[in-house]
PDB file of N, CA and C in Angstrom:
ATOM      1  N   UNK A   1       0.853  -1.207   0.009  1.00  0.00           N
ATOM      2  CA  UNK A   1       0.000   0.002  -0.016  1.00  0.00           C
ATOM      3  C   UNK A   1       0.871   1.255   0.010  1.00  0.00           C
ATOM      4  N   UNK A   2       0.550   2.158  -0.857  1.00  0.00           N
ATOM      5  CA  UNK A   2       1.327   3.406  -0.890  1.00  0.00           C
ATOM      6  C   UNK A   2       0.418   4.516  -0.459  1.00  0.00           C
ATOM      7  N   UNK A   3       0.893   5.787  -0.428  1.00  0.00           N
ATOM      8  CA  UNK A   3       0.116   6.910   0.079  1.00  0.00           C
ATOM      9  C   UNK A   3      -1.239   7.135  -0.627  1.00  0.00           C
ATOM     10  N   UNK A   4      -1.297   7.032  -1.850  1.00  0.00           N
ATOM     11  CA  UNK A   4      -2.478   7.220  -2.629  1.00  0.00           C
ATOM     12  C   UNK A   4      -3.571   6.056  -2.332  1.00  0.00           C
ATOM     13  N   UNK A   5      -2.943   4.830  -2.103  1.00  0.00           N
ATOM     14  CA  UNK A   5      -3.909   3.714  -1.740  1.00  0.00           C
ATOM     15  C   UNK A   5      -4.430   4.003  -0.301  1.00  0.00           C
ATOM     16  N   UNK A   6      -3.657   4.548   0.560  1.00  0.00           N
ATOM     17  CA  UNK A   6      -4.055   4.883   1.951  1.00  0.00           C
ATOM     18  C   UNK A   6      -5.189   5.937   1.891  1.00  0.00           C
ATOM     19  N   UNK A   7      -4.988   6.965   1.076  1.00  0.00           N
ATOM     20  CA  UNK A   7      -5.945   8.035   0.964  1.00  0.00           C
ATOM     21  C   UNK A   7      -7.258   7.548   0.410  1.00  0.00           C
ATOM     22  N   UNK A   8      -7.178   6.657  -0.659  1.00  0.00           N
ATOM     23  CA  UNK A   8      -8.378   6.154  -1.168  1.00  0.00           C
ATOM     24  C   UNK A   8      -9.101   5.195  -0.191  1.00  0.00           C
ATOM     25  N   UNK A   9      -8.412   4.398   0.636  1.00  0.00           N
ATOM     26  CA  UNK A   9      -8.933   3.588   1.654  1.00  0.00           C
ATOM     27  C   UNK A   9      -9.714   4.440   2.712  1.00  0.00           C
ATOM     28  N   UNK A  10      -8.957   5.516   3.155  1.00  0.00           N
ATOM     29  CA  UNK A  10      -9.638   6.413   4.157  1.00  0.00           C
ATOM     30  C   UNK A  10     -10.851   7.068   3.587  1.00  0.00           C
ATOM     31  N   UNK A  11     -10.791   7.514   2.357  1.00  0.00           N
ATOM     32  CA  UNK A  11     -11.960   8.119   1.692  1.00  0.00           C
ATOM     33  C   UNK A  11     -13.053   7.101   1.604  1.00  0.00           C
ATOM     34  N   UNK A  12     -12.832   5.941   1.192  1.00  0.00           N
ATOM     35  CA  UNK A  12     -13.967   4.972   1.088  1.00  0.00           C
ATOM     36  C   UNK A  12     -14.495   4.601   2.461  1.00  0.00           C
ATOM     37  N   UNK A  13     -13.676   4.436   3.491  1.00  0.00           N
ATOM     38  CA  UNK A  13     -14.186   3.958   4.773  1.00  0.00           C
ATOM     39  C   UNK A  13     -14.893   5.076   5.571  1.00  0.00           C
ATOM     40  N   UNK A  14     -14.512   6.340   5.305  1.00  0.00           N
ATOM     41  CA  UNK A  14     -15.139   7.442   6.017  1.00  0.00           C
ATOM     42  C   UNK A  14     -16.232   8.205   5.244  1.00  0.00           C
ATOM     43  N   UNK A  15     -16.255   8.079   3.955  1.00  0.00           N
ATOM     44  CA  UNK A  15     -17.137   8.804   3.135  1.00  0.00           C
ATOM     45  C   UNK A  15     -16.674  10.266   2.791  1.00  0.00           C
ATOM     46  N   UNK A  16     -15.415  10.560   3.217  1.00  0.00           N
ATOM     47  CA  UNK A  16     -14.830  11.861   2.863  1.00  0.00           C
ATOM     48  C   UNK A  16     -14.358  11.836   1.415  1.00  0.00           C
ATOM     49  N   UNK A  17     -14.343  13.097   0.864  1.00  0.00           N
ATOM     50  CA  UNK A  17     -13.830  13.240  -0.506  1.00  0.00           C
ATOM     51  C   UNK A  17     -12.281  12.931  -0.405  1.00  0.00           C
ATOM     52  N   UNK A  18     -11.786  12.562  -1.603  1.00  0.00           N
ATOM     53  CA  UNK A  18     -10.352  12.235  -1.612  1.00  0.00           C
ATOM     54  C   UNK A  18      -9.457  13.433  -1.255  1.00  0.00           C
ATOM     55  N   UNK A  19      -9.948  14.627  -1.701  1.00  0.00           N
ATOM     56  CA  UNK A  19      -9.113  15.830  -1.356  1.00  0.00           C
ATOM     57  C   UNK A  19      -9.077  16.088   0.191  1.00  0.00           C
ATOM     58  N   UNK A  20     -10.237  15.831   0.829  1.00  0.00           N
ATOM     59  CA  UNK A  20     -10.209  16.010   2.265  1.00  0.00           C
ATOM     60  C   UNK A  20      -9.362  14.902   2.950  1.00  0.00           C
ATOM     61  N   UNK A  21      -9.421  13.672   2.446  1.00  0.00           N
ATOM     62  CA  UNK A  21      -8.631  12.604   3.070  1.00  0.00           C
ATOM     63  C   UNK A  21      -7.197  12.875   2.813  1.00  0.00           C
ATOM     64  N   UNK A  22      -6.789  13.464   1.650  1.00  0.00           N
ATOM     65  CA  UNK A  22      -5.427  13.768   1.370  1.00  0.00           C
ATOM     66  C   UNK A  22      -4.955  14.872   2.323  1.00  0.00           C
ATOM     67  N   UNK A  23      -5.704  15.847   2.635  1.00  0.00           N
ATOM     68  CA  UNK A  23      -5.373  16.907   3.574  1.00  0.00           C
ATOM     69  C   UNK A  23      -5.146  16.255   5.067  1.00  0.00           C
ATOM     70  N   UNK A  24      -5.954  15.329   5.395  1.00  0.00           N
ATOM     71  CA  UNK A  24      -5.802  14.726   6.672  1.00  0.00           C
ATOM     72  C   UNK A  24      -4.555  13.891   6.766  1.00  0.00           C
ATOM     73  N   UNK A  25      -4.279  13.057   5.730  1.00  0.00           N
ATOM     74  CA  UNK A  25      -3.041  12.202   5.707  1.00  0.00           C
ATOM     75  C   UNK A  25      -1.911  13.115   5.719  1.00  0.00           C
ATOM     76  N   UNK A  26      -1.827  14.111   4.903  1.00  0.00           N
ATOM     77  CA  UNK A  26      -0.735  15.030   4.851  1.00  0.00           C
ATOM     78  C   UNK A  26      -0.482  15.712   6.236  1.00  0.00           C
ATOM     79  N   UNK A  27      -1.533  16.164   6.866  1.00  0.00           N
ATOM     80  CA  UNK A  27      -1.480  16.736   8.216  1.00  0.00           C
ATOM     81  C   UNK A  27      -0.902  15.792   9.279  1.00  0.00           C
ATOM     82  N   UNK A  28      -1.292  14.577   9.222  1.00  0.00           N
ATOM     83  CA  UNK A  28      -0.704  13.505  10.121  1.00  0.00           C
ATOM     84  C   UNK A  28       0.760  13.365   9.889  1.00  0.00           C
ATOM     85  N   UNK A  29       1.085  13.186   8.657  1.00  0.00           N
ATOM     86  CA  UNK A  29       2.559  13.015   8.315  1.00  0.00           C
ATOM     87  C   UNK A  29       3.372  14.229   8.685  1.00  0.00           C
ATOM     88  N   UNK A  30       2.815  15.429   8.356  1.00  0.00           N
ATOM     89  CA  UNK A  30       3.468  16.629   8.643  1.00  0.00           C
ATOM     90  C   UNK A  30       3.700  16.832  10.190  1.00  0.00           C
ATOM     91  N   UNK A  31       2.700  16.444  10.981  1.00  0.00           N
ATOM     92  CA  UNK A  31       2.855  16.546  12.419  1.00  0.00           C
ATOM     93  C   UNK A  31       3.847  15.604  12.983  1.00  0.00           C
ATOM     94  N   UNK A  32       3.859  14.423  12.488  1.00  0.00           N
ATOM     95  CA  UNK A  32       4.829  13.403  12.949  1.00  0.00           C
ATOM     96  C   UNK A  32       6.276  13.901  12.523  1.00  0.00           C
ATOM     97  N   UNK A  33       6.475  14.376  11.396  1.00  0.00           N
ATOM     98  CA  UNK A  33       7.711  14.835  10.954  1.00  0.00           C
ATOM     99  C   UNK A  33       8.250  16.004  11.739  1.00  0.00           C
ATOM    100  N   UNK A  34       7.353  16.949  11.930  1.00  0.00           N
ATOM    101  CA  UNK A  34       7.760  18.155  12.713  1.00  0.00           C
ATOM    102  C   UNK A  34       8.169  17.759  14.180  1.00  0.00           C
ATOM    103  N   UNK A  35       7.444  16.805  14.812  1.00  0.00           N
ATOM    104  CA  UNK A  35       7.809  16.465  16.113  1.00  0.00           C
ATOM    105  C   UNK A  35       9.104  15.711  16.176  1.00  0.00           C
ATOM    106  N   UNK A  36       9.345  14.863  15.149  1.00  0.00           N
ATOM    107  CA  UNK A  36      10.673  14.160  15.112  1.00  0.00           C
ATOM    108  C   UNK A  36      11.817  15.111  14.939  1.00  0.00           C
ATOM    109  N   UNK A  37      11.585  16.196  14.054  1.00  0.00           N
ATOM    110  CA  UNK A  37      12.653  17.184  13.808  1.00  0.00           C
ATOM    111  C   UNK A  37      13.004  17.842  15.161  1.00  0.00           C
ATOM    112  N   UNK A  38      11.968  18.048  16.058  1.00  0.00           N
ATOM    113  CA  UNK A  38      12.215  18.715  17.309  1.00  0.00           C
ATOM    114  C   UNK A  38      12.860  17.730  18.338  1.00  0.00           C
ATOM    115  N   UNK A  39      13.096  16.424  17.923  1.00  0.00           N
ATOM    116  CA  UNK A  39      13.577  15.508  18.865  1.00  0.00           C
ATOM    117  C   UNK A  39      12.593  14.824  19.779  1.00  0.00           C
ATOM    118  N   UNK A  40      11.301  15.053  19.499  1.00  0.00           N
ATOM    119  CA  UNK A  40      10.280  14.453  20.295  1.00  0.00           C
ATOM    120  C   UNK A  40       9.792  13.081  19.668  1.00  0.00           C
ATOM    121  N   UNK A  41       9.311  12.215  20.502  1.00  0.00           N
ATOM    122  CA  UNK A  41       8.779  11.032  19.959  1.00  0.00           C
ATOM    123  C   UNK A  41       7.358  11.153  19.777  1.00  0.00           C
ATOM    124  N   UNK A  42       6.781  10.357  18.905  1.00  0.00           N
ATOM    125  CA  UNK A  42       5.268  10.336  18.636  1.00  0.00           C
ATOM    126  C   UNK A  42       4.792   8.947  18.911  1.00  0.00           C
ATOM    127  N   UNK A  43       4.075   8.776  20.004  1.00  0.00           N
ATOM    128  CA  UNK A  43       3.478   7.423  20.381  1.00  0.00           C
ATOM    129  C   UNK A  43       2.054   7.430  20.092  1.00  0.00           C
ATOM    130  N   UNK A  44       1.622   6.468  19.330  1.00  0.00           N
ATOM    131  CA  UNK A  44       0.207   6.193  18.914  1.00  0.00           C
ATOM    132  C   UNK A  44      -0.174   4.881  19.577  1.00  0.00           C
ATOM    133  N   UNK A  45      -1.006   4.997  20.569  1.00  0.00           N
ATOM    134  CA  UNK A  45      -1.439   3.792  21.359  1.00  0.00           C
ATOM    135  C   UNK A  45      -2.026   2.725  20.481  1.00  0.00           C
ATOM    136  N   UNK A  46      -1.514   1.462  20.648  1.00  0.00           N
ATOM    137  CA  UNK A  46      -2.052   0.407  19.862  1.00  0.00           C
ATOM    138  C   UNK A  46      -1.391   0.227  18.506  1.00  0.00           C
ATOM    139  N   UNK A  47      -0.570   1.236  18.107  1.00  0.00           N
ATOM    140  CA  UNK A  47       0.019   1.216  16.770  1.00  0.00           C
ATOM    141  C   UNK A  47       1.590   1.090  16.971  1.00  0.00           C
ATOM    142  N   UNK A  48       2.190   2.188  17.610  1.00  0.00           N
ATOM    143  CA  UNK A  48       3.622   2.138  17.797  1.00  0.00           C
ATOM    144  C   UNK A  48       4.141   3.519  18.075  1.00  0.00           C
ATOM    145  N   UNK A  49       5.443   3.625  18.099  1.00  0.00           N
ATOM    146  CA  UNK A  49       6.134   4.842  18.477  1.00  0.00           C
ATOM    147  C   UNK A  49       7.149   5.242  17.390  1.00  0.00           C
ATOM    148  N   UNK A  50       7.138   6.460  16.919  1.00  0.00           N
ATOM    149  CA  UNK A  50       8.131   7.013  16.035  1.00  0.00           C
ATOM    150  C   UNK A  50       9.141   7.800  16.887  1.00  0.00           C
ATOM    151  N   UNK A  51      10.405   7.502  16.622  1.00  0.00           N
ATOM    152  CA  UNK A  51      11.498   8.188  17.359  1.00  0.00           C
ATOM    153  C   UNK A  51      12.542   8.687  16.367  1.00  0.00           C
ATOM    154  N   UNK A  52      13.244   9.683  16.760  1.00  0.00           N
ATOM    155  CA  UNK A  52      14.353  10.208  16.010  1.00  0.00           C
ATOM    156  C   UNK A  52      15.608   9.600  16.570  1.00  0.00           C
ATOM    157  N   UNK A  53      16.379   8.860  15.824  1.00  0.00           N
ATOM    158  CA  UNK A  53      17.564   8.179  16.236  1.00  0.00           C
ATOM    159  C   UNK A  53      18.772   8.887  15.638  1.00  0.00           C
ATOM    160  N   UNK A  54      19.836   9.073  16.452  1.00  0.00           N
ATOM    161  CA  UNK A  54      21.040   9.736  15.968  1.00  0.00           C
ATOM    162  C   UNK A  54      22.121   8.646  15.787  1.00  0.00           C
ATOM    163  N   UNK A  55      22.689   8.563  14.676  1.00  0.00           N
ATOM    164  CA  UNK A  55      23.774   7.704  14.432  1.00  0.00           C
ATOM    165  C   UNK A  55      25.060   8.385  14.565  1.00  0.00           C
ATOM    166  N   UNK A  56      26.028   7.876  15.263  1.00  0.00           N
ATOM    167  CA  UNK A  56      27.295   8.543  15.472  1.00  0.00           C
ATOM    168  C   UNK A  56      28.092   8.606  14.146  1.00  0.00           C
ATOM    169  N   UNK A  57      29.005   9.498  14.078  1.00  0.00           N
ATOM    170  CA  UNK A  57      29.938   9.589  12.919  1.00  0.00           C
ATOM    171  C   UNK A  57      30.798   8.342  13.010  1.00  0.00           C
ATOM    172  N   UNK A  58      31.274   7.865  11.804  1.00  0.00           N
ATOM    173  CA  UNK A  58      32.034   6.683  11.763  1.00  0.00           C
ATOM    174  C   UNK A  58      32.856   6.679  10.450  1.00  0.00           C
ATOM    175  N   UNK A  59      33.790   5.806  10.440  1.00  0.00           N
ATOM    176  CA  UNK A  59      34.578   5.605   9.253  1.00  0.00           C
ATOM    177  C   UNK A  59      34.014   4.403   8.390  1.00  0.00           C
ATOM    178  N   UNK A  60      34.091   4.629   7.133  1.00  0.00           N
ATOM    179  CA  UNK A  60      33.627   3.574   6.210  1.00  0.00           C
ATOM    180  C   UNK A  60      34.594   3.414   5.039  1.00  0.00           C
ATOM    181  N   UNK A  61      34.313   2.510   4.133  1.00  0.00           N
ATOM    182  CA  UNK A  61      35.193   2.316   3.029  1.00  0.00           C
ATOM    183  C   UNK A  61      34.402   2.436   1.757  1.00  0.00           C
ATOM    184  N   UNK A  62      35.036   3.129   0.746  1.00  0.00           N
ATOM    185  CA  UNK A  62      34.413   3.129  -0.558  1.00  0.00           C
ATOM    186  C   UNK A  62      34.672   1.736  -1.158  1.00  0.00           C
ATOM    187  N   UNK A  63      33.573   1.073  -1.504  1.00  0.00           N
ATOM    188  CA  UNK A  63      33.773  -0.336  -2.007  1.00  0.00           C
ATOM    189  C   UNK A  63      34.529  -0.378  -3.392  1.00  0.00           C
ATOM    190  N   UNK A  64      34.351   0.732  -4.187  1.00  0.00           N
ATOM    191  CA  UNK A  64      35.042   0.783  -5.465  1.00  0.00           C
ATOM    192  C   UNK A  64      36.547   0.959  -5.380  1.00  0.00           C
ATOM    193  N   UNK A  65      36.917   1.825  -4.471  1.00  0.00           N
ATOM    194  CA  UNK A  65      38.440   2.147  -4.392  1.00  0.00           C
ATOM    195  C   UNK A  65      39.010   1.590  -3.126  1.00  0.00           C
ATOM    196  N   UNK A  66      38.253   1.280  -2.163  1.00  0.00           N
ATOM    197  CA  UNK A  66      38.847   0.784  -0.878  1.00  0.00           C
ATOM    198  C   UNK A  66      39.330   1.881   0.027  1.00  0.00           C
ATOM    199  N   UNK A  67      39.168   3.124  -0.436  1.00  0.00           N
ATOM    200  CA  UNK A  67      39.622   4.229   0.443  1.00  0.00           C
ATOM    201  C   UNK A  67      38.714   4.403   1.597  1.00  0.00           C
ATOM    202  N   UNK A  68      39.331   4.810   2.783  1.00  0.00           N
ATOM    203  CA  UNK A  68      38.525   5.141   4.025  1.00  0.00           C
ATOM    204  C   UNK A  68      37.960   6.462   3.794  1.00  0.00           C
ATOM    205  N   UNK A  69      36.679   6.549   4.230  1.00  0.00           N
ATOM    206  CA  UNK A  69      35.947   7.815   4.112  1.00  0.00           C
ATOM    207  C   UNK A  69      35.283   8.076   5.501  1.00  0.00           C
ATOM    208  N   UNK A  70      35.097   9.303   5.817  1.00  0.00           N
ATOM    209  CA  UNK A  70      34.340   9.716   7.022  1.00  0.00           C
ATOM    210  C   UNK A  70      32.854   9.790   6.751  1.00  0.00           C
ATOM    211  N   UNK A  71      32.045   9.160   7.500  1.00  0.00           N
ATOM    212  CA  UNK A  71      30.608   9.196   7.368  1.00  0.00           C
ATOM    213  C   UNK A  71      30.121  10.067   8.493  1.00  0.00           C
ATOM    214  N   UNK A  72      29.496  11.214   8.177  1.00  0.00           N
ATOM    215  CA  UNK A  72      29.076  12.091   9.266  1.00  0.00           C
ATOM    216  C   UNK A  72      27.870  11.530  10.050  1.00  0.00           C
ATOM    217  N   UNK A  73      27.716  12.074  11.245  1.00  0.00           N
ATOM    218  CA  UNK A  73      26.644  11.716  12.104  1.00  0.00           C
ATOM    219  C   UNK A  73      25.325  12.193  11.490  1.00  0.00           C
ATOM    220  N   UNK A  74      24.259  11.439  11.673  1.00  0.00           N
ATOM    221  CA  UNK A  74      22.970  11.832  11.063  1.00  0.00           C
ATOM    222  C   UNK A  74      21.825  11.295  11.973  1.00  0.00           C
ATOM    223  N   UNK A  75      20.660  12.015  11.760  1.00  0.00           N
ATOM    224  CA  UNK A  75      19.476  11.648  12.493  1.00  0.00           C
ATOM    225  C   UNK A  75      18.485  11.004  11.506  1.00  0.00           C
ATOM    226  N   UNK A  76      17.844   9.956  11.868  1.00  0.00           N
ATOM    227  CA  UNK A  76      16.877   9.384  10.992  1.00  0.00           C
ATOM    228  C   UNK A  76      15.689   8.936  11.797  1.00  0.00           C
ATOM    229  N   UNK A  77      14.541   8.744  11.155  1.00  0.00           N
ATOM    230  CA  UNK A  77      13.332   8.263  11.850  1.00  0.00           C
ATOM    231  C   UNK A  77      13.366   6.717  12.012  1.00  0.00           C
ATOM    232  N   UNK A  78      12.821   6.334  13.129  1.00  0.00           N
ATOM    233  CA  UNK A  78      12.716   4.850  13.365  1.00  0.00           C
ATOM    234  C   UNK A  78      11.328   4.638  13.953  1.00  0.00           C
ATOM    235  N   UNK A  79      10.825   3.465  13.738  1.00  0.00           N
ATOM    236  CA  UNK A  79       9.491   3.147  14.151  1.00  0.00           C
ATOM    237  C   UNK A  79       9.593   1.787  14.998  1.00  0.00           C
ATOM    238  N   UNK A  80       8.984   1.902  16.198  1.00  0.00           N
ATOM    239  CA  UNK A  80       8.907   0.690  17.110  1.00  0.00           C
ATOM    240  C   UNK A  80       7.507   0.330  17.278  1.00  0.00           C
ATOM    241  N   UNK A  81       7.063  -0.826  16.649  1.00  0.00           N
ATOM    242  CA  UNK A  81       5.694  -1.196  16.785  1.00  0.00           C
ATOM    243  C   UNK A  81       5.212  -1.556  18.142  1.00  0.00           C
ATOM    244  N   UNK A  82       3.913  -1.334  18.401  1.00  0.00           N
ATOM    245  CA  UNK A  82       3.333  -1.628  19.619  1.00  0.00           C
ATOM    246  C   UNK A  82       3.164  -3.164  19.728  1.00  0.00           C
ATOM    247  N   UNK A  83       2.939  -3.641  20.998  1.00  0.00           N
ATOM    248  CA  UNK A  83       2.742  -5.084  21.219  1.00  0.00           C
ATOM    249  C   UNK A  83       1.644  -5.643  20.337  1.00  0.00           C
ATOM    250  N   UNK A  84       0.538  -4.914  20.261  1.00  0.00           N
ATOM    251  CA  UNK A  84      -0.522  -5.349  19.513  1.00  0.00           C
ATOM    252  C   UNK A  84      -0.133  -5.622  17.967  1.00  0.00           C
ATOM    253  N   UNK A  85       0.731  -4.752  17.470  1.00  0.00           N
ATOM    254  CA  UNK A  85       1.177  -4.949  16.062  1.00  0.00           C
ATOM    255  C   UNK A  85       2.172  -6.098  15.983  1.00  0.00           C
ATOM    256  N   UNK A  86       2.987  -6.320  16.947  1.00  0.00           N
ATOM    257  CA  UNK A  86       3.977  -7.428  16.938  1.00  0.00           C
ATOM    258  C   UNK A  86       3.290  -8.741  16.964  1.00  0.00           C
ATOM    259  N   UNK A  87       2.123  -8.817  17.605  1.00  0.00           N
ATOM    260  CA  UNK A  87       1.353 -10.140  17.853  1.00  0.00           C
ATOM    261  C   UNK A  87       0.473 -10.431  16.655  1.00  0.00           C
ATOM    262  N   UNK A  88       0.444  -9.592  15.617  1.00  0.00           N
ATOM    263  CA  UNK A  88      -0.462  -9.853  14.482  1.00  0.00           C
ATOM    264  C   UNK A  88       0.032 -11.085  13.770  1.00  0.00           C
ATOM    265  N   UNK A  89      -0.847 -11.907  13.303  1.00  0.00           N
ATOM    266  CA  UNK A  89      -0.408 -13.115  12.479  1.00  0.00           C
ATOM    267  C   UNK A  89      -1.378 -13.310  11.362  1.00  0.00           C
TER     268      UNK A  89
END
């Protein structure tokens, strides 16, 4: 499922127009992204938690040349599913 499939599914299940469902989905994603950029976590009960993880700077190797390169520290989003999501079968 991609974003447009998600929007269509929300539109179908709620009776909202697709443009309204698009605004809602975009607002949810924007809110999660903004909070992660501030370093806050976003916990959705029964679904999971989004957190911003910082990876330390490290050395790596260019596979083509074998030269050592410095990989800078970076922050990325991570998702930890709730217990209810882990138990799905």
